Amino acid sequence: MERNTFEECGQLLAKNKLTIACAESATAGQLTAAFSLSERSGDFLKGGLACYDACVKEELLKVSPELLEKFTPESAEVTFAIATGLMNLISADIHIGITGLTRPGGSETAEKPVGTMFFCGMFGENKLFEDRQVFTGNQQEIVRQATVHTAKLLREALLQLKPNK
């Protein structure tokens, strides 16, 4: 089932001549790697950036230190900022950002426990999707669930999208 979700996304992207790039914090490249295994990955995957540490978010993706301080590196606001910051680094039709807490030691609180993940997909300057989910399990299980969830969000958005290409 999971592999089919990535494959279906890849087919939809390729069919619609759309490309993607990913900025991944908590998933550290796992989403990009999963998409790279799709049959038509060469038609749609531009690349990805693992921005695990806040300094990479600041230095490469130009996320302001004030934004990181106010909302924490694991937040909807920073997820939007890394997705939009990626636009200046990798030319693609769709830019995806993921942040979150896969293990203790980050910015977890009672309202934002370990397992909380944030997702943002941009189609040009427009939000394609935005979501927050709380997953359970160990770090590896949370990362797996988050990557699959992102593919499902993308698939649903692509099914509703009317590309101009």
Protein backbone atom coordinates (compact mmCIF):
# COMPACT_ATOMS: atom_id res chain seq x y z
CA MET A 1 0.00 0.00 0.00
CA GLU A 2 2.68 2.54 0.99
CA ARG A 3 4.85 1.96 -2.06
CA ASN A 4 1.75 2.32 -4.23
CA THR A 5 1.09 5.77 -2.74
CA PHE A 6 4.53 7.03 -3.76
CA GLU A 7 4.22 5.36 -7.17
CA GLU A 8 0.78 6.90 -7.72
CA CYS A 9 2.14 10.35 -6.81
CA GLY A 10 5.02 9.84 -9.21
CA GLN A 11 2.68 8.84 -12.03
CA LEU A 12 0.43 11.86 -11.39
CA LEU A 13 3.39 14.23 -11.27
CA ALA A 14 4.92 12.82 -14.45
CA LYS A 15 1.59 12.74 -16.29
CA ASN A 16 0.97 16.40 -15.44
CA LYS A 17 4.59 17.35 -16.18
CA LEU A 18 5.09 18.67 -12.66
CA THR A 19 8.30 18.60 -10.67
CA ILE A 20 8.88 18.51 -6.91
CA ALA A 21 11.58 19.39 -4.42
CA CYS A 22 11.56 18.66 -0.67
CA ALA A 23 12.97 20.45 2.38
CA GLU A 24 12.99 17.89 5.18
CA SER A 25 13.84 18.45 8.80
CA ALA A 26 12.63 15.56 10.97
CA THR A 27 12.44 13.11 8.06
CA ALA A 28 16.00 14.03 6.99
CA GLY A 29 15.63 13.04 3.33
CA GLN A 30 13.42 9.99 3.70
CA LEU A 31 10.62 11.52 1.60
CA THR A 32 13.00 12.43 -1.21
CA ALA A 33 14.51 8.93 -1.05
CA ALA A 34 11.05 7.32 -1.22
CA PHE A 35 10.14 9.37 -4.28
CA SER A 36 13.47 8.50 -5.91
CA LEU A 37 12.40 4.86 -6.00
CA SER A 38 9.34 5.64 -8.15
CA GLU A 39 9.44 4.30 -11.68
CA ARG A 40 9.30 7.78 -13.25
CA SER A 41 11.33 9.67 -10.63
CA GLY A 42 13.57 11.13 -13.33
CA ASP A 43 10.54 12.87 -14.80
CA PHE A 44 9.44 14.69 -11.64
CA LEU A 45 11.99 14.67 -8.79
CA LYS A 46 14.31 17.69 -8.74
CA GLY A 47 15.95 17.03 -5.37
CA GLY A 48 15.79 17.62 -1.69
CA LEU A 49 17.50 19.19 1.26
CA ALA A 50 17.84 17.66 4.72
CA CYS A 51 17.62 20.68 7.02
CA TYR A 52 17.68 18.83 10.32
CA ASP A 53 19.53 21.49 12.31
CA ALA A 54 18.13 25.01 12.73
CA CYS A 55 21.35 26.53 11.36
CA VAL A 56 20.66 24.90 7.97
CA LYS A 57 17.14 26.35 8.03
CA GLU A 58 18.64 29.78 8.72
CA GLU A 59 21.69 29.68 6.45
CA LEU A 60 20.40 27.86 3.37
CA LEU A 61 16.63 28.36 3.50
CA LYS A 62 16.79 31.88 4.97
CA VAL A 63 14.40 31.19 7.84
CA SER A 64 14.72 34.10 10.24
CA PRO A 65 16.13 33.41 13.70
CA GLU A 66 13.19 35.38 15.11
CA LEU A 67 10.71 32.99 13.47
CA LEU A 68 12.60 29.98 14.85
CA GLU A 69 12.72 31.57 18.30
CA LYS A 70 9.05 32.57 18.36
CA PHE A 71 7.54 29.37 16.93
CA THR A 72 10.37 26.78 17.37
CA PRO A 73 12.01 24.83 14.51
CA GLU A 74 9.18 22.28 14.75
CA SER A 75 6.13 24.35 13.84
CA ALA A 76 3.68 25.09 11.05
CA GLU A 77 5.22 28.53 10.58
CA VAL A 78 8.74 27.18 10.10
CA THR A 79 7.46 24.40 7.85
CA PHE A 80 5.93 27.02 5.56
CA ALA A 81 9.18 29.02 5.71
CA ILE A 82 11.37 26.06 4.68
CA ALA A 83 9.02 25.16 1.82
CA THR A 84 9.09 28.73 0.51
CA GLY A 85 12.82 29.10 1.19
CA LEU A 86 13.48 26.03 -0.93
CA MET A 87 12.02 27.89 -3.92
CA ASN A 88 15.18 30.00 -4.05
CA LEU A 89 17.44 26.93 -4.08
CA ILE A 90 15.72 24.37 -6.30
CA SER A 91 13.54 25.26 -9.25
CA ALA A 92 10.42 23.06 -9.20
CA ASP A 93 6.66 23.34 -9.57
CA ILE A 94 5.92 21.98 -6.10
CA HIS A 95 7.98 22.55 -2.94
CA ILE A 96 7.31 20.43 0.14
CA GLY A 97 8.41 21.16 3.70
CA ILE A 98 8.30 18.82 6.71
CA THR A 99 9.27 19.49 10.32
CA GLY A 100 8.38 17.77 13.54
CA LEU A 101 9.33 15.89 16.65
CA THR A 102 10.36 12.27 16.16
CA ARG A 103 12.04 11.85 19.54
CA PRO A 104 12.37 13.67 22.87
CA GLY A 105 14.74 16.60 23.17
CA GLY A 106 13.19 19.13 20.82
CA SER A 107 10.45 21.65 21.51
CA GLU A 108 7.88 19.13 22.73
CA THR A 109 5.14 20.30 25.09
CA ALA A 110 1.82 18.88 26.27
CA GLU A 111 0.19 20.58 23.26
CA LYS A 112 2.97 19.47 20.91
CA PRO A 113 4.11 16.00 22.02
CA VAL A 114 6.74 13.80 20.42
CA GLY A 115 5.19 12.48 17.22
CA THR A 116 3.83 15.88 16.16
CA MET A 117 4.66 16.55 12.51
CA PHE A 118 3.98 19.56 10.28
CA PHE A 119 3.54 19.45 6.49
CA CYS A 120 3.39 22.16 3.86
CA GLY A 121 3.19 21.86 0.09
CA MET A 122 3.49 24.89 -2.16
CA PHE A 123 2.48 25.14 -5.82
CA GLY A 124 4.21 28.32 -6.87
CA GLU A 125 3.20 30.96 -4.33
CA ASN A 126 0.02 29.08 -3.34
CA LYS A 127 -0.39 26.53 -0.58
CA LEU A 128 -1.22 23.16 -2.05
CA PHE A 129 -1.63 21.57 1.38
CA GLU A 130 -0.85 22.23 5.01
CA ASP A 131 -1.36 19.78 7.85
CA ARG A 132 -0.43 18.85 11.39
CA GLN A 133 -0.57 15.25 12.63
CA VAL A 134 0.50 13.41 15.77
CA PHE A 135 1.93 9.96 15.11
CA THR A 136 2.87 7.28 17.65
CA GLY A 137 5.73 4.81 17.81
CA ASN A 138 9.49 5.03 17.86
CA GLN A 139 11.51 7.51 15.81
CA GLN A 140 11.70 5.25 12.77
CA GLU A 141 7.94 4.57 12.84
CA ILE A 142 7.10 8.28 13.14
CA VAL A 143 9.36 9.12 10.17
CA ARG A 144 7.77 6.34 8.10
CA GLN A 145 4.25 7.49 8.95
CA ALA A 146 5.16 11.10 8.18
CA THR A 147 6.61 10.31 4.76
CA VAL A 148 3.58 8.19 3.80
CA HIS A 149 1.24 10.90 5.08
CA THR A 150 3.01 13.51 2.96
CA ALA A 151 2.62 11.35 -0.13
CA LYS A 152 -1.09 10.97 0.63
CA LEU A 153 -1.49 14.74 1.06
CA LEU A 154 0.32 15.29 -2.24
CA ARG A 155 -1.73 12.65 -4.04
CA GLU A 156 -5.02 14.21 -2.87
CA ALA A 157 -3.84 17.68 -3.90
CA LEU A 158 -2.69 16.44 -7.32
CA LEU A 159 -6.02 14.77 -7.96
CA GLN A 160 -7.72 18.13 -7.44
CA LEU A 161 -5.11 20.26 -9.21
CA LYS A 162 -5.71 21.55 -12.70
CA PRO A 163 -2.20 22.21 -14.04
CA ASN A 164 -1.65 24.80 -16.73
CA LYS A 165 0.99 22.68 -18.42
